[in-house]
Amino acid sequence: MNDWFVYALLDALMAALATILAKIGLSGVDSITATAVRSIVMMFFTVGFMLVVKGPGLLQTLTSRDILYIVLSGVAGALSWILYFLALQKGPTTPVVVVDKSSLLFIVFMSILFLGEPLSVKKIVSVALMFAAILLLSI
């Protein structure tokens, strides 16, 4: 089994756990405040993890282009989390998460447009099935 698959599967498990814990934690807290606290915890955890596993030296290898795209990714991720927590606070967990996972569809289209990944029959069928699943689970 490929390393990337194991990491992605563990990522999905942690994302599911994060959603359940967030839904429980959002019961008496403003969603934006909860997102900010979560972000602070994630920052300290991630920086600590980087320092223990990789050390600070790798920061020097970043180019200005790397930093620009990582910062833009951070802004998009922050907006995603703010909107996700708001939706999670106001709606039922399963439909919110299903609609959130429609990001898969956006990723396929954007990877074709911006990254030059090939469009194939397999991708078209997969996107159609994902879209149908999202509709069925969110209605």
N, C-alpha and C. Protein backbone atom coordinates (compact mmCIF):
# COMPACT_ATOMS: atom_id res chain seq x y z
N MET A 1 0.85 -1.18 0.00
CA MET A 1 0.00 0.00 0.00
C MET A 1 0.89 1.24 0.00
N ASN A 2 0.53 2.24 -0.79
CA ASN A 2 1.32 3.46 -0.89
C ASN A 2 1.24 4.30 0.38
N ASP A 3 2.36 4.95 0.72
CA ASP A 3 2.40 5.82 1.89
C ASP A 3 1.34 6.91 1.81
N TRP A 4 1.19 7.51 0.63
CA TRP A 4 0.24 8.62 0.50
C TRP A 4 -1.18 8.16 0.85
N PHE A 5 -1.53 6.92 0.49
CA PHE A 5 -2.87 6.42 0.77
C PHE A 5 -3.10 6.26 2.27
N VAL A 6 -2.11 5.74 2.96
CA VAL A 6 -2.21 5.57 4.41
C VAL A 6 -2.35 6.94 5.08
N TYR A 7 -1.52 7.91 4.66
CA TYR A 7 -1.61 9.26 5.22
C TYR A 7 -2.98 9.89 4.93
N ALA A 8 -3.47 9.71 3.72
CA ALA A 8 -4.77 10.28 3.35
C ALA A 8 -5.90 9.63 4.15
N LEU A 9 -5.81 8.33 4.36
CA LEU A 9 -6.83 7.65 5.15
C LEU A 9 -6.80 8.10 6.61
N LEU A 10 -5.61 8.24 7.16
CA LEU A 10 -5.49 8.76 8.53
C LEU A 10 -5.97 10.21 8.61
N ASP A 11 -5.71 10.98 7.56
CA ASP A 11 -6.21 12.36 7.48
C ASP A 11 -7.73 12.36 7.54
N ALA A 12 -8.36 11.49 6.77
CA ALA A 12 -9.83 11.41 6.76
C ALA A 12 -10.37 11.04 8.14
N LEU A 13 -9.70 10.11 8.82
CA LEU A 13 -10.11 9.72 10.16
C LEU A 13 -10.00 10.89 11.13
N MET A 14 -8.88 11.63 11.07
CA MET A 14 -8.69 12.79 11.96
C MET A 14 -9.68 13.90 11.63
N ALA A 15 -9.98 14.09 10.34
CA ALA A 15 -10.96 15.10 9.95
C ALA A 15 -12.35 14.75 10.48
N ALA A 16 -12.69 13.47 10.45
CA ALA A 16 -13.97 13.03 11.00
C ALA A 16 -14.02 13.26 12.50
N LEU A 17 -12.95 12.91 13.19
CA LEU A 17 -12.88 13.13 14.63
C LEU A 17 -12.95 14.62 14.96
N ALA A 18 -12.24 15.44 14.18
CA ALA A 18 -12.27 16.89 14.39
C ALA A 18 -13.68 17.44 14.23
N THR A 19 -14.42 16.93 13.25
CA THR A 19 -15.80 17.39 13.03
C THR A 19 -16.70 17.03 14.20
N ILE A 20 -16.62 15.81 14.67
CA ILE A 20 -17.46 15.38 15.80
C ILE A 20 -17.12 16.19 17.05
N LEU A 21 -15.85 16.35 17.34
CA LEU A 21 -15.43 17.13 18.52
C LEU A 21 -15.84 18.59 18.37
N ALA A 22 -15.73 19.15 17.15
CA ALA A 22 -16.12 20.53 16.93
C ALA A 22 -17.62 20.71 17.14
N LYS A 23 -18.41 19.80 16.62
CA LYS A 23 -19.88 19.90 16.77
C LYS A 23 -20.25 19.90 18.25
N ILE A 24 -19.61 19.04 19.03
CA ILE A 24 -19.87 19.01 20.47
C ILE A 24 -19.42 20.31 21.11
N GLY A 25 -18.23 20.80 20.73
CA GLY A 25 -17.68 22.01 21.33
C GLY A 25 -18.39 23.28 20.93
N LEU A 26 -19.10 23.27 19.80
CA LEU A 26 -19.77 24.47 19.32
C LEU A 26 -21.10 24.74 20.01
N SER A 27 -21.50 23.88 20.92
CA SER A 27 -22.83 24.01 21.52
C SER A 27 -23.02 25.33 22.28
N GLY A 28 -21.96 25.88 22.86
CA GLY A 28 -22.14 27.12 23.62
C GLY A 28 -21.16 28.21 23.25
N VAL A 29 -20.56 28.11 22.04
CA VAL A 29 -19.51 29.05 21.66
C VAL A 29 -19.82 29.63 20.28
N ASP A 30 -19.48 30.88 20.08
CA ASP A 30 -19.57 31.51 18.76
C ASP A 30 -18.65 30.77 17.80
N SER A 31 -19.11 30.54 16.57
CA SER A 31 -18.33 29.74 15.62
C SER A 31 -17.01 30.40 15.22
N ILE A 32 -16.99 31.72 15.13
CA ILE A 32 -15.75 32.40 14.75
C ILE A 32 -14.72 32.31 15.88
N THR A 33 -15.18 32.46 17.12
CA THR A 33 -14.28 32.31 18.26
C THR A 33 -13.74 30.90 18.33
N ALA A 34 -14.61 29.92 18.11
CA ALA A 34 -14.17 28.53 18.12
C ALA A 34 -13.14 28.27 17.03
N THR A 35 -13.34 28.85 15.84
CA THR A 35 -12.38 28.68 14.75
C THR A 35 -11.04 29.30 15.13
N ALA A 36 -11.07 30.48 15.75
CA ALA A 36 -9.83 31.15 16.16
C ALA A 36 -9.07 30.31 17.19
N VAL A 37 -9.79 29.79 18.18
CA VAL A 37 -9.13 28.96 19.21
C VAL A 37 -8.55 27.71 18.57
N ARG A 38 -9.32 27.07 17.70
CA ARG A 38 -8.83 25.87 17.00
C ARG A 38 -7.57 26.20 16.20
N SER A 39 -7.56 27.34 15.53
CA SER A 39 -6.41 27.75 14.73
C SER A 39 -5.17 27.96 15.58
N ILE A 40 -5.35 28.56 16.74
CA ILE A 40 -4.22 28.78 17.65
C ILE A 40 -3.66 27.45 18.13
N VAL A 41 -4.53 26.55 18.51
CA VAL A 41 -4.09 25.22 18.96
C VAL A 41 -3.35 24.51 17.82
N MET A 42 -3.91 24.58 16.62
CA MET A 42 -3.28 23.92 15.48
C MET A 42 -1.92 24.54 15.16
N MET A 43 -1.82 25.87 15.29
CA MET A 43 -0.55 26.52 15.02
C MET A 43 0.54 26.04 15.99
N PHE A 44 0.23 26.07 17.29
CA PHE A 44 1.22 25.64 18.27
C PHE A 44 1.57 24.16 18.09
N PHE A 45 0.56 23.34 17.84
CA PHE A 45 0.82 21.91 17.64
C PHE A 45 1.68 21.68 16.41
N THR A 46 1.34 22.36 15.30
CA THR A 46 2.06 22.15 14.04
C THR A 46 3.49 22.67 14.12
N VAL A 47 3.68 23.85 14.71
CA VAL A 47 5.04 24.39 14.85
C VAL A 47 5.87 23.50 15.76
N GLY A 48 5.29 23.06 16.86
CA GLY A 48 6.00 22.14 17.75
C GLY A 48 6.37 20.85 17.06
N PHE A 49 5.45 20.30 16.31
CA PHE A 49 5.69 19.06 15.56
C PHE A 49 6.82 19.26 14.56
N MET A 50 6.78 20.39 13.81
CA MET A 50 7.83 20.68 12.84
C MET A 50 9.19 20.77 13.52
N LEU A 51 9.25 21.48 14.65
CA LEU A 51 10.53 21.65 15.34
C LEU A 51 11.09 20.33 15.84
N VAL A 52 10.22 19.45 16.33
CA VAL A 52 10.67 18.16 16.85
C VAL A 52 11.08 17.24 15.71
N VAL A 53 10.28 17.18 14.66
CA VAL A 53 10.52 16.22 13.58
C VAL A 53 11.55 16.71 12.57
N LYS A 54 11.47 17.97 12.17
CA LYS A 54 12.30 18.49 11.08
C LYS A 54 13.36 19.50 11.54
N GLY A 55 13.10 20.19 12.62
CA GLY A 55 14.00 21.25 13.05
C GLY A 55 13.70 22.54 12.31
N PRO A 56 14.22 23.66 12.80
CA PRO A 56 13.89 24.97 12.20
C PRO A 56 14.62 25.25 10.89
N GLY A 57 15.63 24.49 10.55
CA GLY A 57 16.45 24.77 9.38
C GLY A 57 15.71 24.76 8.06
N LEU A 58 14.66 23.97 7.95
CA LEU A 58 13.94 23.88 6.68
C LEU A 58 13.21 25.17 6.31
N LEU A 59 12.96 26.04 7.28
CA LEU A 59 12.30 27.31 6.98
C LEU A 59 13.14 28.15 6.01
N GLN A 60 14.44 27.99 6.08
CA GLN A 60 15.33 28.77 5.23
C GLN A 60 15.28 28.33 3.77
N THR A 61 14.70 27.18 3.49
CA THR A 61 14.64 26.69 2.11
C THR A 61 13.43 27.25 1.35
N LEU A 62 12.54 27.96 2.04
CA LEU A 62 11.35 28.50 1.39
C LEU A 62 11.71 29.68 0.49
N THR A 63 11.15 29.68 -0.72
CA THR A 63 11.33 30.82 -1.63
C THR A 63 10.16 31.79 -1.44
N SER A 64 10.28 32.97 -2.00
CA SER A 64 9.19 33.94 -1.88
C SER A 64 7.93 33.43 -2.59
N ARG A 65 8.10 32.68 -3.69
CA ARG A 65 6.96 32.09 -4.38
C ARG A 65 6.29 31.05 -3.49
N ASP A 66 7.09 30.20 -2.84
CA ASP A 66 6.54 29.20 -1.91
C ASP A 66 5.72 29.89 -0.82
N ILE A 67 6.29 30.93 -0.25
CA ILE A 67 5.63 31.65 0.85
C ILE A 67 4.33 32.27 0.37
N LEU A 68 4.33 32.89 -0.81
CA LEU A 68 3.12 33.51 -1.35
C LEU A 68 1.99 32.49 -1.45
N TYR A 69 2.28 31.34 -2.07
CA TYR A 69 1.21 30.35 -2.27
C TYR A 69 0.80 29.68 -0.95
N ILE A 70 1.72 29.52 -0.04
CA ILE A 70 1.37 28.95 1.26
C ILE A 70 0.50 29.94 2.04
N VAL A 71 0.82 31.23 1.98
CA VAL A 71 0.01 32.25 2.65
C VAL A 71 -1.39 32.30 2.03
N LEU A 72 -1.48 32.31 0.71
CA LEU A 72 -2.78 32.31 0.05
C LEU A 72 -3.59 31.06 0.42
N SER A 73 -2.91 29.93 0.49
CA SER A 73 -3.56 28.70 0.92
C SER A 73 -4.07 28.83 2.35
N GLY A 74 -3.28 29.48 3.20
CA GLY A 74 -3.69 29.70 4.59
C GLY A 74 -4.92 30.58 4.70
N VAL A 75 -4.98 31.62 3.87
CA VAL A 75 -6.16 32.50 3.87
C VAL A 75 -7.39 31.72 3.40
N ALA A 76 -7.24 30.97 2.31
CA ALA A 76 -8.36 30.16 1.82
C ALA A 76 -8.79 29.13 2.87
N GLY A 77 -7.81 28.50 3.53
CA GLY A 77 -8.12 27.53 4.57
C GLY A 77 -8.83 28.16 5.76
N ALA A 78 -8.39 29.36 6.15
CA ALA A 78 -9.04 30.05 7.27
C ALA A 78 -10.48 30.40 6.93
N LEU A 79 -10.70 30.90 5.73
CA LEU A 79 -12.07 31.20 5.32
C LEU A 79 -12.91 29.93 5.27
N SER A 80 -12.31 28.84 4.79
CA SER A 80 -13.01 27.56 4.76
C SER A 80 -13.42 27.12 6.16
N TRP A 81 -12.50 27.21 7.11
CA TRP A 81 -12.81 26.80 8.48
C TRP A 81 -13.87 27.68 9.12
N ILE A 82 -13.79 28.99 8.89
CA ILE A 82 -14.79 29.91 9.46
C ILE A 82 -16.17 29.54 8.93
N LEU A 83 -16.27 29.36 7.62
CA LEU A 83 -17.56 29.02 7.02
C LEU A 83 -18.02 27.63 7.42
N TYR A 84 -17.09 26.69 7.52
CA TYR A 84 -17.42 25.32 7.93
C TYR A 84 -17.97 25.31 9.36
N PHE A 85 -17.30 25.99 10.28
CA PHE A 85 -17.77 26.02 11.66
C PHE A 85 -19.12 26.73 11.77
N LEU A 86 -19.33 27.78 10.99
CA LEU A 86 -20.62 28.47 10.98
C LEU A 86 -21.71 27.54 10.50
N ALA A 87 -21.45 26.83 9.39
CA ALA A 87 -22.43 25.87 8.87
C ALA A 87 -22.67 24.73 9.86
N LEU A 88 -21.59 24.25 10.48
CA LEU A 88 -21.71 23.14 11.44
C LEU A 88 -22.51 23.56 12.67
N GLN A 89 -22.33 24.81 13.10
CA GLN A 89 -23.07 25.30 14.26
C GLN A 89 -24.55 25.45 13.95
N LYS A 90 -24.88 25.84 12.73
CA LYS A 90 -26.27 26.13 12.38
C LYS A 90 -27.03 24.96 11.77
N GLY A 91 -26.29 23.95 11.31
CA GLY A 91 -26.97 22.86 10.61
C GLY A 91 -26.65 21.50 11.18
N PRO A 92 -27.35 20.47 10.69
CA PRO A 92 -27.07 19.10 11.11
C PRO A 92 -25.72 18.63 10.56
N THR A 93 -25.02 17.84 11.32
CA THR A 93 -23.64 17.47 11.01
C THR A 93 -23.50 16.78 9.66
N THR A 94 -24.26 15.74 9.40
CA THR A 94 -24.06 14.95 8.19
C THR A 94 -24.24 15.75 6.90
N PRO A 95 -25.36 16.48 6.73
CA PRO A 95 -25.48 17.25 5.49
C PRO A 95 -24.42 18.34 5.36
N VAL A 96 -24.04 18.98 6.45
CA VAL A 96 -22.99 20.00 6.38
C VAL A 96 -21.69 19.38 5.88
N VAL A 97 -21.33 18.24 6.44
CA VAL A 97 -20.07 17.60 6.04
C VAL A 97 -20.14 17.11 4.60
N VAL A 98 -21.29 16.60 4.19
CA VAL A 98 -21.44 16.12 2.81
C VAL A 98 -21.26 17.28 1.83
N VAL A 99 -21.91 18.40 2.10
CA VAL A 99 -21.75 19.56 1.22
C VAL A 99 -20.31 20.06 1.26
N ASP A 100 -19.71 20.06 2.45
CA ASP A 100 -18.30 20.46 2.57
C ASP A 100 -17.41 19.58 1.69
N LYS A 101 -17.72 18.31 1.61
CA LYS A 101 -16.92 17.39 0.79
C LYS A 101 -17.14 17.58 -0.70
N SER A 102 -18.09 18.45 -1.06
CA SER A 102 -18.21 18.78 -2.49
C SER A 102 -16.96 19.51 -2.97
N SER A 103 -16.10 19.87 -2.03
CA SER A 103 -14.81 20.43 -2.42
C SER A 103 -14.06 19.46 -3.33
N LEU A 104 -14.33 18.18 -3.22
CA LEU A 104 -13.73 17.19 -4.12
C LEU A 104 -14.01 17.54 -5.58
N LEU A 105 -15.24 17.95 -5.85
CA LEU A 105 -15.61 18.31 -7.22
C LEU A 105 -14.84 19.54 -7.68
N PHE A 106 -14.77 20.54 -6.81
CA PHE A 106 -14.02 21.75 -7.14
C PHE A 106 -12.54 21.44 -7.36
N ILE A 107 -12.00 20.55 -6.54
CA ILE A 107 -10.58 20.19 -6.67
C ILE A 107 -10.31 19.51 -8.02
N VAL A 108 -11.19 18.62 -8.43
CA VAL A 108 -10.99 17.95 -9.72
C VAL A 108 -10.97 18.98 -10.85
N PHE A 109 -11.97 19.88 -10.85
CA PHE A 109 -12.03 20.88 -11.91
C PHE A 109 -10.84 21.84 -11.86
N MET A 110 -10.48 22.30 -10.67
CA MET A 110 -9.36 23.24 -10.55
C MET A 110 -8.03 22.58 -10.89
N SER A 111 -7.89 21.29 -10.56
CA SER A 111 -6.63 20.61 -10.89
C SER A 111 -6.47 20.45 -12.39
N ILE A 112 -7.58 20.32 -13.09
CA ILE A 112 -7.54 20.25 -14.56
C ILE A 112 -7.21 21.64 -15.13
N LEU A 113 -7.91 22.67 -14.63
CA LEU A 113 -7.73 24.02 -15.16
C LEU A 113 -6.38 24.63 -14.80
N PHE A 114 -5.98 24.54 -13.54
CA PHE A 114 -4.80 25.27 -13.06
C PHE A 114 -3.52 24.44 -13.01
N LEU A 115 -3.66 23.13 -12.83
CA LEU A 115 -2.47 22.28 -12.69
C LEU A 115 -2.19 21.44 -13.93
N GLY A 116 -3.11 21.50 -14.89
CA GLY A 116 -2.90 20.76 -16.13
C GLY A 116 -3.06 19.26 -16.01
N GLU A 117 -3.76 18.80 -14.97
CA GLU A 117 -3.99 17.37 -14.84
C GLU A 117 -4.95 16.92 -15.94
N PRO A 118 -4.77 15.72 -16.45
CA PRO A 118 -5.60 15.28 -17.59
C PRO A 118 -7.05 14.97 -17.19
N LEU A 119 -7.96 15.24 -18.12
CA LEU A 119 -9.36 14.87 -17.96
C LEU A 119 -9.54 13.51 -18.62
N SER A 120 -10.15 12.59 -17.90
CA SER A 120 -10.35 11.25 -18.44
C SER A 120 -11.80 10.82 -18.22
N VAL A 121 -12.17 9.77 -18.87
CA VAL A 121 -13.51 9.21 -18.68
C VAL A 121 -13.69 8.80 -17.22
N LYS A 122 -12.65 8.23 -16.64
CA LYS A 122 -12.70 7.81 -15.24
C LYS A 122 -13.00 9.00 -14.32
N LYS A 123 -12.37 10.15 -14.59
CA LYS A 123 -12.62 11.34 -13.78
C LYS A 123 -14.04 11.84 -13.98
N ILE A 124 -14.51 11.84 -15.21
CA ILE A 124 -15.87 12.32 -15.50
C ILE A 124 -16.90 11.46 -14.78
N VAL A 125 -16.74 10.13 -14.86
CA VAL A 125 -17.67 9.21 -14.19
C VAL A 125 -17.57 9.38 -12.67
N SER A 126 -16.36 9.51 -12.15
CA SER A 126 -16.16 9.68 -10.71
C SER A 126 -16.82 10.96 -10.21
N VAL A 127 -16.63 12.06 -10.94
CA VAL A 127 -17.24 13.33 -10.55
C VAL A 127 -18.77 13.22 -10.58
N ALA A 128 -19.30 12.58 -11.59
CA ALA A 128 -20.76 12.40 -11.68
C ALA A 128 -21.28 11.59 -10.50
N LEU A 129 -20.57 10.52 -10.14
CA LEU A 129 -20.99 9.70 -9.00
C LEU A 129 -20.86 10.47 -7.68
N MET A 130 -19.77 11.25 -7.52
CA MET A 130 -19.61 12.06 -6.31
C MET A 130 -20.74 13.09 -6.21
N PHE A 131 -21.06 13.72 -7.34
CA PHE A 131 -22.13 14.72 -7.34
C PHE A 131 -23.45 14.07 -6.95
N ALA A 132 -23.74 12.90 -7.51
CA ALA A 132 -24.98 12.19 -7.17
C ALA A 132 -25.00 11.82 -5.68
N ALA A 133 -23.87 11.35 -5.14
CA ALA A 133 -23.80 11.00 -3.72
C ALA A 133 -24.02 12.23 -2.85
N ILE A 134 -23.42 13.35 -3.22
CA ILE A 134 -23.59 14.58 -2.45
C ILE A 134 -25.05 15.00 -2.44
N LEU A 135 -25.70 14.93 -3.60
CA LEU A 135 -27.12 15.28 -3.67
C LEU A 135 -27.97 14.34 -2.81
N LEU A 136 -27.71 13.04 -2.93
CA LEU A 136 -28.50 12.07 -2.17
C LEU A 136 -28.33 12.22 -0.66
N LEU A 137 -27.11 12.47 -0.21
CA LEU A 137 -26.85 12.56 1.22
C LEU A 137 -27.22 13.89 1.83
N SER A 138 -27.33 14.94 1.01
CA SER A 138 -27.61 16.26 1.57
C SER A 138 -29.09 16.64 1.51
N ILE A 139 -29.88 15.86 0.80
CA ILE A 139 -31.33 16.18 0.67
C ILE A 139 -32.09 15.53 1.81
